Amino acid sequence: MAQFGAQIGTSGPTICRIAGGQVPRRDLMIKIYEATGGLVTPNDLVGITLDRPRSRDGMVDPQQPKLNEGETQ
């Protein structure tokens, strides 16, 4: 966590708090998104979920049907 924190310009303890559920500042959300190549999105960090499957690039495919409750991607 310290190494990733240093990579995005913050501390290991801050990354630990974010991993534990604390919502980071907007600028850190963007840095996390960029550093992970889009694998961790701001929505992931604030607990917002999508009701449609996402493609590998994280975009919602409007052609895909909505997921049923409890169904995963």
PDB file of N, CA and C in Angstrom:
ATOM      1  N   MET A   1       0.822  -1.191   0.000  1.00  0.00           N
ATOM      2  CA  MET A   1       0.000   0.000   0.000  1.00  0.00           C
ATOM      3  C   MET A   1       0.863   1.250   0.000  1.00  0.00           C
ATOM      4  N   ALA A   2       1.986   1.171   0.690  1.00  0.00           N
ATOM      5  CA  ALA A   2       2.903   2.309   0.704  1.00  0.00           C
ATOM      6  C   ALA A   2       3.450   2.566  -0.696  1.00  0.00           C
ATOM      7  N   GLN A   3       3.778   1.499  -1.416  1.00  0.00           N
ATOM      8  CA  GLN A   3       4.331   1.636  -2.767  1.00  0.00           C
ATOM      9  C   GLN A   3       3.282   2.240  -3.720  1.00  0.00           C
ATOM     10  N   PHE A   4       2.059   1.753  -3.648  1.00  0.00           N
ATOM     11  CA  PHE A   4       1.011   2.306  -4.505  1.00  0.00           C
ATOM     12  C   PHE A   4       0.725   3.754  -4.113  1.00  0.00           C
ATOM     13  N   GLY A   5       0.710   4.033  -2.815  1.00  0.00           N
ATOM     14  CA  GLY A   5       0.502   5.402  -2.360  1.00  0.00           C
ATOM     15  C   GLY A   5       1.556   6.339  -2.916  1.00  0.00           C
ATOM     16  N   ALA A   6       2.808   5.904  -2.859  1.00  0.00           N
ATOM     17  CA  ALA A   6       3.894   6.727  -3.389  1.00  0.00           C
ATOM     18  C   ALA A   6       3.729   6.945  -4.893  1.00  0.00           C
ATOM     19  N   GLN A   7       3.258   5.919  -5.584  1.00  0.00           N
ATOM     20  CA  GLN A   7       3.055   6.009  -7.031  1.00  0.00           C
ATOM     21  C   GLN A   7       2.035   7.087  -7.392  1.00  0.00           C
ATOM     22  N   ILE A   8       1.019   7.267  -6.554  1.00  0.00           N
ATOM     23  CA  ILE A   8      -0.019   8.256  -6.882  1.00  0.00           C
ATOM     24  C   ILE A   8       0.089   9.523  -6.027  1.00  0.00           C
ATOM     25  N   GLY A   9       1.144   9.620  -5.247  1.00  0.00           N
ATOM     26  CA  GLY A   9       1.386  10.853  -4.511  1.00  0.00           C
ATOM     27  C   GLY A   9       0.668  10.978  -3.186  1.00  0.00           C
ATOM     28  N   THR A  10       0.450   9.859  -2.518  1.00  0.00           N
ATOM     29  CA  THR A  10      -0.174   9.902  -1.197  1.00  0.00           C
ATOM     30  C   THR A  10       0.526   8.882  -0.306  1.00  0.00           C
ATOM     31  N   SER A  11       0.038   8.697   0.898  1.00  0.00           N
ATOM     32  CA  SER A  11       0.702   7.805   1.851  1.00  0.00           C
ATOM     33  C   SER A  11       0.073   6.409   1.863  1.00  0.00           C
ATOM     34  N   GLY A  12       0.830   5.459   2.371  1.00  0.00           N
ATOM     35  CA  GLY A  12       0.324   4.107   2.569  1.00  0.00           C
ATOM     36  C   GLY A  12      -0.887   4.070   3.479  1.00  0.00           C
ATOM     37  N   PRO A  13      -0.854   4.788   4.621  1.00  0.00           N
ATOM     38  CA  PRO A  13      -2.032   4.796   5.484  1.00  0.00           C
ATOM     39  C   PRO A  13      -3.292   5.334   4.802  1.00  0.00           C
ATOM     40  N   THR A  14      -3.126   6.306   3.896  1.00  0.00           N
ATOM     41  CA  THR A  14      -4.284   6.813   3.161  1.00  0.00           C
ATOM     42  C   THR A  14      -4.854   5.724   2.262  1.00  0.00           C
ATOM     43  N   ILE A  15      -3.989   4.989   1.578  1.00  0.00           N
ATOM     44  CA  ILE A  15      -4.442   3.885   0.724  1.00  0.00           C
ATOM     45  C   ILE A  15      -5.122   2.825   1.579  1.00  0.00           C
ATOM     46  N   CYS A  16      -4.595   2.563   2.747  1.00  0.00           N
ATOM     47  CA  CYS A  16      -5.202   1.593   3.666  1.00  0.00           C
ATOM     48  C   CYS A  16      -6.612   2.029   4.061  1.00  0.00           C
ATOM     49  N   ARG A  17      -6.790   3.315   4.355  1.00  0.00           N
ATOM     50  CA  ARG A  17      -8.122   3.816   4.717  1.00  0.00           C
ATOM     51  C   ARG A  17      -9.090   3.715   3.540  1.00  0.00           C
ATOM     52  N   ILE A  18      -8.594   4.004   2.332  1.00  0.00           N
ATOM     53  CA  ILE A  18      -9.438   3.889   1.143  1.00  0.00           C
ATOM     54  C   ILE A  18      -9.837   2.430   0.930  1.00  0.00           C
ATOM     55  N   ALA A  19      -8.884   1.522   1.085  1.00  0.00           N
ATOM     56  CA  ALA A  19      -9.174   0.085   0.945  1.00  0.00           C
ATOM     57  C   ALA A  19     -10.184  -0.366   1.986  1.00  0.00           C
ATOM     58  N   GLY A  20     -10.210   0.302   3.118  1.00  0.00           N
ATOM     59  CA  GLY A  20     -11.152  -0.025   4.182  1.00  0.00           C
ATOM     60  C   GLY A  20     -12.525   0.610   4.017  1.00  0.00           C
ATOM     61  N   GLY A  21     -12.698   1.414   2.975  1.00  0.00           N
ATOM     62  CA  GLY A  21     -14.012   1.973   2.710  1.00  0.00           C
ATOM     63  C   GLY A  21     -14.122   3.478   2.748  1.00  0.00           C
ATOM     64  N   GLN A  22     -13.067   4.173   3.182  1.00  0.00           N
ATOM     65  CA  GLN A  22     -13.132   5.635   3.186  1.00  0.00           C
ATOM     66  C   GLN A  22     -13.142   6.136   1.748  1.00  0.00           C
ATOM     67  N   VAL A  23     -14.018   7.064   1.436  1.00  0.00           N
ATOM     68  CA  VAL A  23     -14.093   7.624   0.092  1.00  0.00           C
ATOM     69  C   VAL A  23     -12.984   8.667  -0.064  1.00  0.00           C
ATOM     70  N   PRO A  24     -12.124   8.490  -1.072  1.00  0.00           N
ATOM     71  CA  PRO A  24     -11.025   9.439  -1.267  1.00  0.00           C
ATOM     72  C   PRO A  24     -11.489  10.733  -1.923  1.00  0.00           C
ATOM     73  N   ARG A  25     -10.627  11.722  -1.845  1.00  0.00           N
ATOM     74  CA  ARG A  25     -10.893  12.986  -2.550  1.00  0.00           C
ATOM     75  C   ARG A  25     -10.960  12.719  -4.052  1.00  0.00           C
ATOM     76  N   ARG A  26     -11.609  13.612  -4.750  1.00  0.00           N
ATOM     77  CA  ARG A  26     -11.786  13.472  -6.202  1.00  0.00           C
ATOM     78  C   ARG A  26     -10.441  13.304  -6.916  1.00  0.00           C
ATOM     79  N   ASP A  27      -9.455  14.109  -6.559  1.00  0.00           N
ATOM     80  CA  ASP A  27      -8.166  14.018  -7.254  1.00  0.00           C
ATOM     81  C   ASP A  27      -7.513  12.651  -7.046  1.00  0.00           C
ATOM     82  N   LEU A  28      -7.677  12.053  -5.867  1.00  0.00           N
ATOM     83  CA  LEU A  28      -7.125  10.724  -5.645  1.00  0.00           C
ATOM     84  C   LEU A  28      -7.899   9.668  -6.418  1.00  0.00           C
ATOM     85  N   MET A  29      -9.214   9.839  -6.542  1.00  0.00           N
ATOM     86  CA  MET A  29      -9.997   8.897  -7.346  1.00  0.00           C
ATOM     87  C   MET A  29      -9.466   8.863  -8.775  1.00  0.00           C
ATOM     88  N   ILE A  30      -9.200  10.022  -9.317  1.00  0.00           N
ATOM     89  CA  ILE A  30      -8.686  10.108 -10.686  1.00  0.00           C
ATOM     90  C   ILE A  30      -7.317   9.451 -10.778  1.00  0.00           C
ATOM     91  N   LYS A  31      -6.441   9.715  -9.815  1.00  0.00           N
ATOM     92  CA  LYS A  31      -5.103   9.113  -9.827  1.00  0.00           C
ATOM     93  C   LYS A  31      -5.176   7.593  -9.693  1.00  0.00           C
ATOM     94  N   ILE A  32      -6.071   7.091  -8.853  1.00  0.00           N
ATOM     95  CA  ILE A  32      -6.242   5.645  -8.691  1.00  0.00           C
ATOM     96  C   ILE A  32      -6.744   5.047  -9.992  1.00  0.00           C
ATOM     97  N   TYR A  33      -7.716   5.680 -10.598  1.00  0.00           N
ATOM     98  CA  TYR A  33      -8.258   5.221 -11.880  1.00  0.00           C
ATOM     99  C   TYR A  33      -7.145   5.140 -12.925  1.00  0.00           C
ATOM    100  N   GLU A  34      -6.359   6.189 -13.043  1.00  0.00           N
ATOM    101  CA  GLU A  34      -5.286   6.220 -14.042  1.00  0.00           C
ATOM    102  C   GLU A  34      -4.201   5.195 -13.730  1.00  0.00           C
ATOM    103  N   ALA A  35      -3.804   5.082 -12.461  1.00  0.00           N
ATOM    104  CA  ALA A  35      -2.728   4.163 -12.075  1.00  0.00           C
ATOM    105  C   ALA A  35      -3.120   2.702 -12.248  1.00  0.00           C
ATOM    106  N   THR A  36      -4.415   2.411 -12.178  1.00  0.00           N
ATOM    107  CA  THR A  36      -4.866   1.030 -12.333  1.00  0.00           C
ATOM    108  C   THR A  36      -5.321   0.738 -13.761  1.00  0.00           C
ATOM    109  N   GLY A  37      -5.088   1.665 -14.656  1.00  0.00           N
ATOM    110  CA  GLY A  37      -5.494   1.467 -16.036  1.00  0.00           C
ATOM    111  C   GLY A  37      -6.997   1.338 -16.188  1.00  0.00           C
ATOM    112  N   GLY A  38      -7.737   1.969 -15.294  1.00  0.00           N
ATOM    113  CA  GLY A  38      -9.189   1.946 -15.360  1.00  0.00           C
ATOM    114  C   GLY A  38      -9.845   0.763 -14.673  1.00  0.00           C
ATOM    115  N   LEU A  39      -9.031  -0.104 -14.063  1.00  0.00           N
ATOM    116  CA  LEU A  39      -9.607  -1.264 -13.382  1.00  0.00           C
ATOM    117  C   LEU A  39     -10.353  -0.889 -12.114  1.00  0.00           C
ATOM    118  N   VAL A  40      -9.916   0.189 -11.446  1.00  0.00           N
ATOM    119  CA  VAL A  40     -10.629   0.700 -10.269  1.00  0.00           C
ATOM    120  C   VAL A  40     -11.191   2.054 -10.672  1.00  0.00           C
ATOM    121  N   THR A  41     -12.517   2.135 -10.718  1.00  0.00           N
ATOM    122  CA  THR A  41     -13.175   3.366 -11.147  1.00  0.00           C
ATOM    123  C   THR A  41     -13.623   4.180  -9.937  1.00  0.00           C
ATOM    124  N   PRO A  42     -13.887   5.472 -10.127  1.00  0.00           N
ATOM    125  CA  PRO A  42     -14.446   6.256  -9.029  1.00  0.00           C
ATOM    126  C   PRO A  42     -15.729   5.630  -8.472  1.00  0.00           C
ATOM    127  N   ASN A  43     -16.547   5.042  -9.340  1.00  0.00           N
ATOM    128  CA  ASN A  43     -17.770   4.380  -8.862  1.00  0.00           C
ATOM    129  C   ASN A  43     -17.437   3.246  -7.906  1.00  0.00           C
ATOM    130  N   ASP A  44     -16.369   2.503  -8.190  1.00  0.00           N
ATOM    131  CA  ASP A  44     -15.952   1.425  -7.294  1.00  0.00           C
ATOM    132  C   ASP A  44     -15.622   1.970  -5.905  1.00  0.00           C
ATOM    133  N   LEU A  45     -15.060   3.166  -5.867  1.00  0.00           N
ATOM    134  CA  LEU A  45     -14.609   3.743  -4.608  1.00  0.00           C
ATOM    135  C   LEU A  45     -15.729   4.351  -3.777  1.00  0.00           C
ATOM    136  N   VAL A  46     -16.839   4.673  -4.409  1.00  0.00           N
ATOM    137  CA  VAL A  46     -17.956   5.251  -3.658  1.00  0.00           C
ATOM    138  C   VAL A  46     -19.135   4.298  -3.548  1.00  0.00           C
ATOM    139  N   GLY A  47     -18.971   3.084  -4.073  1.00  0.00           N
ATOM    140  CA  GLY A  47     -19.995   2.065  -3.911  1.00  0.00           C
ATOM    141  C   GLY A  47     -21.164   2.164  -4.871  1.00  0.00           C
ATOM    142  N   ILE A  48     -20.987   2.885  -5.969  1.00  0.00           N
ATOM    143  CA  ILE A  48     -22.043   2.963  -6.979  1.00  0.00           C
ATOM    144  C   ILE A  48     -21.881   1.775  -7.908  1.00  0.00           C
ATOM    145  N   THR A  49     -22.971   1.040  -8.130  1.00  0.00           N
ATOM    146  CA  THR A  49     -22.907  -0.097  -9.034  1.00  0.00           C
ATOM    147  C   THR A  49     -23.792   0.153 -10.244  1.00  0.00           C
ATOM    148  N   LEU A  50     -23.454  -0.527 -11.302  1.00  0.00           N
ATOM    149  CA  LEU A  50     -24.219  -0.405 -12.536  1.00  0.00           C
ATOM    150  C   LEU A  50     -25.181  -1.568 -12.655  1.00  0.00           C
ATOM    151  N   ASP A  51     -26.300  -1.340 -13.314  1.00  0.00           N
ATOM    152  CA  ASP A  51     -27.249  -2.421 -13.503  1.00  0.00           C
ATOM    153  C   ASP A  51     -27.110  -3.057 -14.889  1.00  0.00           C
ATOM    154  N   ARG A  52     -26.045  -2.705 -15.595  1.00  0.00           N
ATOM    155  CA  ARG A  52     -25.756  -3.320 -16.897  1.00  0.00           C
ATOM    156  C   ARG A  52     -24.311  -3.815 -16.887  1.00  0.00           C
ATOM    157  N   PRO A  53     -24.049  -4.908 -17.580  1.00  0.00           N
ATOM    158  CA  PRO A  53     -22.676  -5.409 -17.647  1.00  0.00           C
ATOM    159  C   PRO A  53     -21.751  -4.368 -18.274  1.00  0.00           C
ATOM    160  N   ARG A  54     -20.503  -4.382 -17.847  1.00  0.00           N
ATOM    161  CA  ARG A  54     -19.497  -3.487 -18.405  1.00  0.00           C
ATOM    162  C   ARG A  54     -18.565  -4.275 -19.304  1.00  0.00           C
ATOM    163  N   SER A  55     -18.051  -3.602 -20.304  1.00  0.00           N
ATOM    164  CA  SER A  55     -17.047  -4.211 -21.154  1.00  0.00           C
ATOM    165  C   SER A  55     -15.700  -4.126 -20.442  1.00  0.00           C
ATOM    166  N   ARG A  56     -14.673  -4.696 -21.045  1.00  0.00           N
ATOM    167  CA  ARG A  56     -13.343  -4.693 -20.417  1.00  0.00           C
ATOM    168  C   ARG A  56     -12.812  -3.292 -20.190  1.00  0.00           C
ATOM    169  N   ASP A  57     -13.246  -2.334 -21.010  1.00  0.00           N
ATOM    170  CA  ASP A  57     -12.767  -0.958 -20.824  1.00  0.00           C
ATOM    171  C   ASP A  57     -13.590  -0.192 -19.795  1.00  0.00           C
ATOM    172  N   GLY A  58     -14.539  -0.884 -19.137  1.00  0.00           N
ATOM    173  CA  GLY A  58     -15.325  -0.271 -18.075  1.00  0.00           C
ATOM    174  C   GLY A  58     -16.568   0.453 -18.537  1.00  0.00           C
ATOM    175  N   MET A  59     -16.820   0.448 -19.828  1.00  0.00           N
ATOM    176  CA  MET A  59     -17.979   1.159 -20.352  1.00  0.00           C
ATOM    177  C   MET A  59     -19.212   0.262 -20.345  1.00  0.00           C
ATOM    178  N   VAL A  60     -20.354   0.860 -20.132  1.00  0.00           N
ATOM    179  CA  VAL A  60     -21.618   0.131 -20.180  1.00  0.00           C
ATOM    180  C   VAL A  60     -21.992  -0.077 -21.638  1.00  0.00           C
ATOM    181  N   ASP A  61     -22.356  -1.296 -21.978  1.00  0.00           N
ATOM    182  CA  ASP A  61     -22.799  -1.606 -23.327  1.00  0.00           C
ATOM    183  C   ASP A  61     -24.321  -1.509 -23.358  1.00  0.00           C
ATOM    184  N   PRO A  62     -24.867  -0.484 -23.994  1.00  0.00           N
ATOM    185  CA  PRO A  62     -26.320  -0.302 -23.982  1.00  0.00           C
ATOM    186  C   PRO A  62     -27.057  -1.441 -24.680  1.00  0.00           C
ATOM    187  N   GLN A  63     -26.365  -2.250 -25.454  1.00  0.00           N
ATOM    188  CA  GLN A  63     -26.988  -3.374 -26.147  1.00  0.00           C
ATOM    189  C   GLN A  63     -27.178  -4.574 -25.220  1.00  0.00           C
ATOM    190  N   GLN A  64     -26.461  -4.597 -24.099  1.00  0.00           N
ATOM    191  CA  GLN A  64     -26.558  -5.711 -23.160  1.00  0.00           C
ATOM    192  C   GLN A  64     -27.799  -5.545 -22.282  1.00  0.00           C
ATOM    193  N   PRO A  65     -28.482  -6.643 -21.980  1.00  0.00           N
ATOM    194  CA  PRO A  65     -29.648  -6.541 -21.087  1.00  0.00           C
ATOM    195  C   PRO A  65     -29.212  -6.212 -19.663  1.00  0.00           C
ATOM    196  N   LYS A  66     -30.131  -5.637 -18.909  1.00  0.00           N
ATOM    197  CA  LYS A  66     -29.845  -5.352 -17.510  1.00  0.00           C
ATOM    198  C   LYS A  66     -29.649  -6.673 -16.759  1.00  0.00           C
ATOM    199  N   LEU A  67     -28.828  -6.604 -15.715  1.00  0.00           N
ATOM    200  CA  LEU A  67     -28.621  -7.773 -14.866  1.00  0.00           C
ATOM    201  C   LEU A  67     -29.814  -7.935 -13.951  1.00  0.00           C
ATOM    202  N   ASN A  68     -30.136  -9.170 -13.637  1.00  0.00           N
ATOM    203  CA  ASN A  68     -31.173  -9.442 -12.649  1.00  0.00           C
ATOM    204  C   ASN A  68     -30.595  -9.256 -11.254  1.00  0.00           C
ATOM    205  N   GLU A  69     -31.424  -8.984 -10.291  1.00  0.00           N
ATOM    206  CA  GLU A  69     -30.963  -8.794  -8.922  1.00  0.00           C
ATOM    207  C   GLU A  69     -30.165 -10.008  -8.467  1.00  0.00           C
ATOM    208  N   GLY A  70     -28.973  -9.751  -7.915  1.00  0.00           N
ATOM    209  CA  GLY A  70     -28.115 -10.820  -7.414  1.00  0.00           C
ATOM    210  C   GLY A  70     -27.224 -11.433  -8.482  1.00  0.00           C
ATOM    211  N   GLU A  71     -27.447 -11.118  -9.738  1.00  0.00           N
ATOM    212  CA  GLU A  71     -26.644 -11.652 -10.829  1.00  0.00           C
ATOM    213  C   GLU A  71     -25.362 -10.828 -10.941  1.00  0.00           C
ATOM    214  N   THR A  72     -24.272 -11.475 -11.268  1.00  0.00           N
ATOM    215  CA  THR A  72     -23.002 -10.775 -11.426  1.00  0.00           C
ATOM    216  C   THR A  72     -22.546 -10.836 -12.864  1.00  0.00           C
ATOM    217  N   GLN A  73     -21.589  -9.988 -13.176  1.00  0.00           N
ATOM    218  CA  GLN A  73     -21.052  -9.913 -14.537  1.00  0.00           C
ATOM    219  C   GLN A  73     -20.200 -11.104 -14.855  1.00  0.00           C
TER     220      GLN A  73
END
